[in-house]
């Protein structure tokens, strides 16, 4: 992982292997300063002469809609449609202390990488990038590219493997420690939407993958082949997450108020659908796990929903008037971060994991 940190701090350096393709350097700028208002008055004008008092809204960090949010240790990372990536600790107000990188096009997904300060990104230009959050001026480093938009990226610390999938039907397996390609697979019509590693066991190393071809695939990352393909659905799967039991996969689907947009559970051992927890009124955009087998889903219908697979399903729902595009959970599981337009809303979870309460909005 040391080569990667060195590359991010010095993008003009040569990579240690021939498999590496270096990107053109994209200038990194400091975060935009928040607008400040100041008034001064002389004398003591009458109340009628005083101008109305208004609270100026601070300028947003993101200038376009946020596409994905991700927690790396104590750092909250967000990316948007215009390719901006920002990172900060929640509550950090000084924009000069924000990590900022600019990718060529919209960022679809973020993931962890080999080093604690590293983050990977899948970009709409087809590239898979690495960024070092400890370098405020560090340029993103291009690791490799798909032919079409990279839609998903996932990392396994168990074997230092980075996997990405794209709209061209390709899935690339990458050794993040050695910076070398392990394998590339292509399946016709496999328009990848999401990737998630199954918690590893001594006997298996599996990866869940969703696609617009309406199939949920489970890959064996040792043979680089899909070993399970769940039954085809009427609607395609937009996202997935794997439970800690190493057996259960949750997926979200596209749809509308009358059909589809379901949150479903799948059993790897039985190779079958377990149940449908319920549905949203528009596309499910993201999934995240909480303790006690609780599941969070977000949707373009503006909702953040808490589910219990072991009970009746729906526990509680938080709703906004704006589509929610992504979510992630703080390391202590006390806070859910939801991407709502150009803001990130913080929702508090109760110790019993039965409520979602709005705390504040991060602009």
Protein backbone atom coordinates (compact mmCIF):
# COMPACT_ATOMS: atom_id res chain seq x y z
CA UNK A 1 0.00 0.00 0.00
CA UNK A 2 2.98 2.39 0.34
CA UNK A 3 3.28 2.81 -3.45
CA UNK A 4 -0.31 4.06 -3.54
CA UNK A 5 0.22 6.71 -0.88
CA UNK A 6 3.36 7.88 -2.69
CA UNK A 7 1.50 8.10 -6.00
CA UNK A 8 -1.32 10.14 -4.53
CA UNK A 9 1.14 12.61 -3.04
CA UNK A 10 3.18 12.72 -6.28
CA UNK A 11 0.94 11.92 -9.27
CA UNK A 12 3.82 12.39 -11.72
CA UNK A 13 5.76 9.45 -10.27
CA UNK A 14 5.86 6.18 -12.17
CA UNK A 15 3.84 3.23 -10.97
CA UNK A 16 5.72 0.10 -9.85
CA UNK A 17 4.05 -2.23 -12.33
CA UNK A 18 3.23 -2.06 -16.03
CA UNK A 19 -0.42 -2.76 -15.30
CA UNK A 20 -0.80 0.69 -13.83
CA UNK A 21 -2.27 3.46 -16.03
CA UNK A 22 -1.70 6.93 -14.70
CA UNK A 23 -4.33 9.63 -15.13
CA UNK A 24 -3.72 13.15 -16.21
CA UNK A 25 -3.47 15.29 -13.12
CA UNK A 26 -6.70 17.01 -12.21
CA UNK A 27 -6.03 20.18 -10.22
CA UNK A 28 -7.29 20.04 -6.68
CA UNK A 29 -8.64 23.19 -5.17
CA UNK A 30 -9.38 24.06 -1.60
CA UNK A 31 -12.99 23.91 -0.46
CA UNK A 32 -15.20 26.82 -1.25
CA UNK A 33 -15.33 29.35 1.55
CA UNK A 34 -18.66 29.71 3.24
CA UNK A 35 -20.42 33.01 2.69
CA UNK A 36 -20.29 35.43 5.60
CA UNK A 37 -22.57 38.38 6.19
CA UNK A 38 -21.79 41.42 8.28
CA UNK A 39 -23.74 44.51 9.06
CA UNK A 40 -22.73 47.72 10.75
CA UNK A 41 -24.95 50.54 11.86
CA UNK A 42 -24.26 54.05 13.06
CA UNK A 43 -26.34 55.91 15.54
CA UNK A 44 -29.56 54.49 16.89
CA UNK A 45 -32.18 54.33 14.13
CA UNK A 46 -35.77 53.71 15.03
CA UNK A 47 -37.20 50.21 14.94
CA UNK A 48 -39.15 51.06 11.80
CA UNK A 49 -35.93 52.05 10.03
CA UNK A 50 -34.08 48.84 10.84
CA UNK A 51 -33.79 46.39 7.92
CA UNK A 52 -35.34 42.96 8.44
CA UNK A 53 -33.01 40.49 10.15
CA UNK A 54 -32.34 37.45 7.96
CA UNK A 55 -30.20 34.40 8.57
CA UNK A 56 -27.85 33.86 5.65
CA UNK A 57 -27.62 30.22 4.62
CA UNK A 58 -23.99 29.13 4.35
CA UNK A 59 -22.93 28.15 0.85
CA UNK A 60 -22.99 24.40 0.30
CA UNK A 61 -19.83 22.36 0.03
CA UNK A 62 -21.23 20.50 -3.00
CA UNK A 63 -22.47 22.47 -5.99
CA UNK A 64 -24.28 19.48 -7.47
CA UNK A 65 -26.40 16.61 -6.17
CA UNK A 66 -24.56 14.11 -3.97
CA UNK A 67 -24.39 10.64 -5.48
CA UNK A 68 -22.76 8.64 -2.68
CA UNK A 69 -21.66 8.93 0.95
CA UNK A 70 -19.15 6.74 2.76
CA UNK A 71 -17.62 6.60 6.25
CA UNK A 72 -13.89 5.86 6.53
CA UNK A 73 -13.02 5.64 10.23
CA UNK A 74 -14.07 8.99 11.68
CA UNK A 75 -14.12 10.67 8.29
CA UNK A 76 -17.27 11.27 6.26
CA UNK A 77 -16.66 11.19 2.50
CA UNK A 78 -19.17 12.44 -0.08
CA UNK A 79 -19.11 12.70 -3.87
CA UNK A 80 -21.39 14.38 -6.36
CA UNK A 81 -22.59 14.49 -9.96
CA UNK A 82 -19.97 17.06 -10.96
CA UNK A 83 -17.09 14.81 -9.83
CA UNK A 84 -16.29 16.64 -6.59
CA UNK A 85 -15.18 14.50 -3.64
CA UNK A 86 -15.03 16.00 -0.14
CA UNK A 87 -13.99 14.46 3.17
CA UNK A 88 -14.23 15.78 6.71
CA UNK A 89 -15.02 14.75 10.24
CA UNK A 90 -18.69 15.45 11.04
CA UNK A 91 -18.97 18.83 12.75
CA UNK A 92 -15.84 20.18 11.08
CA UNK A 93 -16.68 23.71 9.94
CA UNK A 94 -13.45 25.14 8.58
CA UNK A 95 -13.62 24.63 4.79
CA UNK A 96 -9.84 25.00 4.53
CA UNK A 97 -9.47 21.70 6.39
CA UNK A 98 -11.64 19.75 3.96
CA UNK A 99 -10.10 17.18 1.66
CA UNK A 100 -11.17 17.99 -1.90
CA UNK A 101 -10.54 16.15 -5.14
CA UNK A 102 -12.11 16.56 -8.56
CA UNK A 103 -12.73 13.54 -10.77
CA UNK A 104 -13.50 13.89 -14.50
CA UNK A 105 -17.18 12.95 -14.21
CA UNK A 106 -19.81 11.86 -11.69
CA UNK A 107 -18.69 9.53 -8.90
CA UNK A 108 -20.95 6.50 -8.61
CA UNK A 109 -19.58 4.68 -5.54
CA UNK A 110 -16.84 4.92 -2.91
CA UNK A 111 -15.06 2.19 -0.93
CA UNK A 112 -12.21 1.59 1.52
CA UNK A 113 -8.72 0.61 0.37
CA UNK A 114 -5.50 -0.87 1.74
CA UNK A 115 -4.41 2.06 3.94
CA UNK A 116 -6.61 3.71 6.61
CA UNK A 117 -6.59 7.07 4.80
CA UNK A 118 -7.21 5.67 1.30
CA UNK A 119 -10.54 5.65 -0.54
CA UNK A 120 -11.44 4.12 -3.89
CA UNK A 121 -13.95 5.61 -6.33
CA UNK A 122 -15.88 4.36 -9.36
CA UNK A 123 -16.31 7.17 -11.88
CA UNK A 124 -18.68 7.67 -14.80
CA UNK A 125 -15.70 8.12 -17.14
CA UNK A 126 -14.98 4.39 -16.62
CA UNK A 127 -12.06 4.99 -14.29
CA UNK A 128 -11.41 3.49 -10.88
CA UNK A 129 -9.47 6.00 -8.78
CA UNK A 130 -7.60 6.05 -5.47
CA UNK A 131 -7.42 9.07 -3.15
CA UNK A 132 -5.44 9.71 0.02
CA UNK A 133 -7.65 11.68 2.43
CA UNK A 134 -4.63 12.81 4.46
CA UNK A 135 -3.45 14.95 1.55
CA UNK A 136 -5.66 18.03 1.28
CA UNK A 137 -4.12 18.81 -2.10
CA UNK A 138 -3.65 15.21 -3.24
CA UNK A 139 -4.78 14.51 -6.81
CA UNK A 140 -6.84 11.38 -7.53
CA UNK A 141 -4.80 8.52 -9.00
CA UNK A 142 -6.24 6.49 -11.86
CA UNK A 143 -5.73 2.77 -11.25
CA UNK A 144 -7.41 1.41 -14.41
CA UNK A 145 -10.41 1.99 -16.66
CA UNK A 146 -13.47 0.18 -17.96
CA UNK A 147 -14.74 0.92 -21.46
CA UNK A 148 -17.98 2.41 -20.14
CA UNK A 149 -19.03 4.06 -16.87
CA UNK A 150 -17.77 2.34 -13.72
CA UNK A 151 -20.86 1.91 -11.56
CA UNK A 152 -19.62 0.00 -8.52
CA UNK A 153 -16.47 -0.65 -6.51
CA UNK A 154 -15.81 -2.77 -3.41
CA UNK A 155 -12.77 -3.70 -1.33
CA UNK A 156 -11.96 -6.74 0.78
CA UNK A 157 -9.33 -6.27 3.49
CA UNK A 158 -9.25 -10.06 3.88
CA UNK A 159 -7.20 -10.48 0.69
CA UNK A 160 -6.53 -6.84 -0.33
CA UNK A 161 -8.76 -7.24 -3.36
CA UNK A 162 -10.44 -4.36 -5.16
CA UNK A 163 -13.32 -5.24 -7.50
CA UNK A 164 -15.19 -2.92 -9.83
CA UNK A 165 -18.05 -3.34 -12.26
CA UNK A 166 -19.24 -1.23 -15.17
CA UNK A 167 -22.06 -0.65 -17.61
CA UNK A 168 -20.11 -2.49 -20.31
CA UNK A 169 -20.75 -5.80 -18.51
CA UNK A 170 -17.19 -6.11 -17.23
CA UNK A 171 -16.04 -7.01 -13.72
CA UNK A 172 -12.36 -6.37 -12.91
CA UNK A 173 -10.53 -8.02 -10.01
CA UNK A 174 -7.51 -6.02 -8.83
CA UNK A 175 -4.71 -6.72 -6.35
CA UNK A 176 -4.70 -3.48 -4.35
CA UNK A 177 -1.45 -4.36 -2.58
CA UNK A 178 0.59 -5.12 -5.70
CA UNK A 179 -1.30 -2.73 -8.01
CA UNK A 180 -1.90 -5.45 -10.56
CA UNK A 181 -4.86 -6.88 -12.42
CA UNK A 182 -5.91 -10.33 -11.24
CA UNK A 183 -8.65 -11.04 -13.77
CA UNK A 184 -11.29 -9.43 -15.96
CA UNK A 185 -14.61 -11.03 -16.75
CA UNK A 186 -17.30 -9.94 -19.19
CA UNK A 187 -20.90 -11.14 -19.20
CA UNK A 188 -23.22 -9.85 -21.95
CA UNK A 189 -26.04 -7.63 -20.63
CA UNK A 190 -24.50 -7.66 -17.14
CA UNK A 191 -24.89 -3.92 -16.57
CA UNK A 192 -23.39 -3.80 -13.07
CA UNK A 193 -25.18 -1.64 -10.49
CA UNK A 194 -23.56 -2.62 -7.17
CA UNK A 195 -20.95 -4.88 -5.54
CA UNK A 196 -20.62 -6.07 -1.95
CA UNK A 197 -18.25 -8.62 -0.40
CA UNK A 198 -19.76 -11.44 1.62
CA UNK A 199 -18.02 -11.74 5.03
CA UNK A 200 -15.29 -14.32 4.33
CA UNK A 201 -15.04 -17.79 5.84
CA UNK A 202 -12.21 -20.34 5.85
CA UNK A 203 -13.81 -22.18 2.97
CA UNK A 204 -15.09 -19.39 0.76
CA UNK A 205 -14.51 -15.86 -0.48
CA UNK A 206 -17.61 -14.53 -2.18
CA UNK A 207 -18.80 -11.31 -3.79
CA UNK A 208 -22.42 -10.28 -4.39
CA UNK A 209 -23.26 -8.32 -7.52
CA UNK A 210 -26.47 -6.74 -8.82
CA UNK A 211 -27.23 -5.86 -12.42
CA UNK A 212 -29.75 -4.32 -14.78
CA UNK A 213 -30.19 -7.75 -16.37
CA UNK A 214 -32.38 -8.55 -13.31
CA UNK A 215 -30.01 -11.21 -11.96
CA UNK A 216 -28.23 -11.29 -8.59
CA UNK A 217 -24.85 -13.00 -9.01
CA UNK A 218 -22.49 -14.39 -6.38
CA UNK A 219 -18.86 -14.57 -7.51
CA UNK A 220 -16.11 -16.82 -6.15
CA UNK A 221 -13.19 -14.41 -5.90
CA UNK A 222 -10.68 -17.27 -5.98
CA UNK A 223 -11.78 -18.55 -9.39
CA UNK A 224 -13.19 -15.22 -10.67
CA UNK A 225 -16.38 -16.94 -11.77
CA UNK A 226 -20.03 -16.52 -10.76
CA UNK A 227 -21.08 -19.58 -8.76
CA UNK A 228 -24.69 -18.60 -8.02
CA UNK A 229 -27.26 -16.76 -10.10
CA UNK A 230 -30.54 -16.08 -8.38
CA UNK A 231 -33.81 -16.21 -10.28
CA UNK A 232 -34.59 -13.38 -12.64
CA UNK A 233 -36.92 -10.68 -11.33
CA UNK A 234 -39.45 -8.42 -13.03
CA UNK A 235 -37.41 -5.38 -11.98
CA UNK A 236 -33.66 -4.93 -11.94
CA UNK A 237 -31.58 -4.69 -8.78
CA UNK A 238 -30.02 -1.33 -7.97
CA UNK A 239 -27.97 -2.10 -4.84
CA UNK A 240 -27.00 -4.84 -2.41
CA UNK A 241 -25.48 -5.45 1.03
CA UNK A 242 -24.33 -8.66 2.76
CA UNK A 243 -25.23 -9.56 6.33
CA UNK A 244 -22.60 -10.64 8.83
CA UNK A 245 -23.92 -14.23 8.87
CA UNK A 246 -22.21 -14.78 5.52
CA UNK A 247 -25.41 -16.25 4.11
CA UNK A 248 -27.94 -13.47 3.62
CA UNK A 249 -27.90 -10.80 0.89
CA UNK A 250 -30.29 -7.85 0.79
CA UNK A 251 -31.07 -6.13 -2.51
CA UNK A 252 -33.04 -3.06 -3.56
CA UNK A 253 -34.85 -2.74 -6.88
CA UNK A 254 -36.09 -0.12 -9.26
CA UNK A 255 -39.81 0.57 -9.55
CA UNK A 256 -42.59 3.04 -8.85
CA UNK A 257 -45.55 3.64 -6.55
CA UNK A 258 -47.57 0.77 -7.98
CA UNK A 259 -44.99 -1.98 -8.45
CA UNK A 260 -41.36 -2.89 -7.89
CA UNK A 261 -39.00 -0.81 -5.70
CA UNK A 262 -38.77 -3.77 -3.31
CA UNK A 263 -36.25 -4.61 -0.61
CA UNK A 264 -35.67 -8.37 -0.71
CA UNK A 265 -33.55 -10.98 1.08
CA UNK A 266 -31.67 -13.86 -0.57
CA UNK A 267 -30.12 -17.01 0.92
CA UNK A 268 -26.75 -18.09 -0.50
CA UNK A 269 -26.96 -21.64 0.89
CA UNK A 270 -30.49 -22.27 -0.34
CA UNK A 271 -29.81 -20.29 -3.52
CA UNK A 272 -33.28 -18.79 -3.29
CA UNK A 273 -35.19 -15.68 -2.29
CA UNK A 274 -36.08 -15.65 1.40
CA UNK A 275 -38.65 -12.86 1.54
CA UNK A 276 -39.62 -9.37 0.48
CA UNK A 277 -39.41 -6.95 3.41
CA UNK A 278 -41.52 -4.29 1.71
CA UNK A 279 -41.33 -1.66 -0.97
CA UNK A 280 -40.71 2.02 -1.61
CA UNK A 281 -42.60 4.24 -4.05
CA UNK A 282 -39.57 4.79 -6.32
CA UNK A 283 -36.16 3.25 -7.01
CA UNK A 284 -34.23 1.96 -4.01
CA UNK A 285 -30.85 3.74 -4.14
CA UNK A 286 -28.77 2.29 -1.30
CA UNK A 287 -28.66 -0.14 1.63
CA UNK A 288 -26.72 -0.18 4.90
CA UNK A 289 -26.59 -2.45 7.96
CA UNK A 290 -27.19 -1.68 11.64
CA UNK A 291 -26.74 -4.00 14.66
CA UNK A 292 -29.42 -6.53 15.60
CA UNK A 293 -29.85 -7.39 11.90
CA UNK A 294 -31.47 -4.04 11.19
CA UNK A 295 -31.37 -2.81 7.60
CA UNK A 296 -31.50 0.76 6.25
CA UNK A 297 -32.74 1.54 2.74
CA UNK A 298 -32.96 4.84 0.87
CA UNK A 299 -35.08 5.73 -2.14
CA UNK A 300 -35.80 8.33 -4.77
CA UNK A 301 -39.20 8.70 -3.07
CA UNK A 302 -37.40 10.74 -0.38
CA UNK A 303 -37.49 8.12 2.37
CA UNK A 304 -34.99 6.49 4.70
CA UNK A 305 -36.51 3.25 5.96
CA UNK A 306 -35.50 0.98 8.84
CA UNK A 307 -36.32 -2.72 8.42
CA UNK A 308 -36.15 -5.79 10.63
CA UNK A 309 -35.74 -9.00 8.61
CA UNK A 310 -36.57 -11.12 11.66
CA UNK A 311 -39.85 -9.32 12.43
CA UNK A 312 -42.65 -7.96 10.29
CA UNK A 313 -40.33 -5.91 8.12
CA UNK A 314 -40.90 -2.16 8.35
CA UNK A 315 -39.96 -0.63 11.69
CA UNK A 316 -39.94 3.09 11.00
CA UNK A 317 -39.54 5.56 8.14
CA UNK A 318 -38.07 9.05 7.86
CA UNK A 319 -39.28 11.08 4.87
CA UNK A 320 -38.08 14.17 3.03
CA UNK A 321 -39.37 16.04 -0.01
CA UNK A 322 -36.14 15.39 -1.91
CA UNK A 323 -34.84 12.10 -3.37
CA UNK A 324 -32.36 10.28 -1.12
CA UNK A 325 -29.49 8.87 -3.18
CA UNK A 326 -27.19 7.16 -0.67
CA UNK A 327 -26.64 6.30 3.00
CA UNK A 328 -23.96 5.08 5.38
CA UNK A 329 -23.64 4.45 9.13
CA UNK A 330 -21.18 5.88 11.65
CA UNK A 331 -18.65 3.47 13.22
CA UNK A 332 -20.52 3.50 16.56
CA UNK A 333 -23.84 2.82 14.75
CA UNK A 334 -25.46 5.85 16.38
CA UNK A 335 -25.87 7.95 13.23
CA UNK A 336 -27.17 7.36 9.72
CA UNK A 337 -25.89 9.77 7.07
CA UNK A 338 -28.29 10.22 4.14
CA UNK A 339 -27.50 12.08 0.91
CA UNK A 340 -30.45 14.39 0.21
CA UNK A 341 -29.93 16.62 -2.81
CA UNK A 342 -26.77 18.63 -2.14
CA UNK A 343 -26.92 18.10 1.62
CA UNK A 344 -26.20 15.24 4.00
CA UNK A 345 -28.80 14.71 6.71
CA UNK A 346 -27.80 13.15 10.03
CA UNK A 347 -30.33 10.79 11.58
CA UNK A 348 -29.95 9.44 15.08
CA UNK A 349 -30.68 5.79 15.84
CA UNK A 350 -31.96 4.78 19.25
CA UNK A 351 -30.12 2.11 21.29
CA UNK A 352 -32.92 -0.31 20.46
CA UNK A 353 -32.51 0.48 16.76
CA UNK A 354 -36.22 1.23 16.50
CA UNK A 355 -36.31 4.95 15.59
CA UNK A 356 -34.73 7.40 13.17
CA UNK A 357 -34.61 10.99 14.43
CA UNK A 358 -33.39 13.99 12.43
CA UNK A 359 -30.37 15.68 14.06
CA UNK A 360 -29.05 18.20 11.56
CA UNK A 361 -28.18 18.84 7.94
CA UNK A 362 -24.58 19.03 6.74
CA UNK A 363 -24.30 21.49 3.86
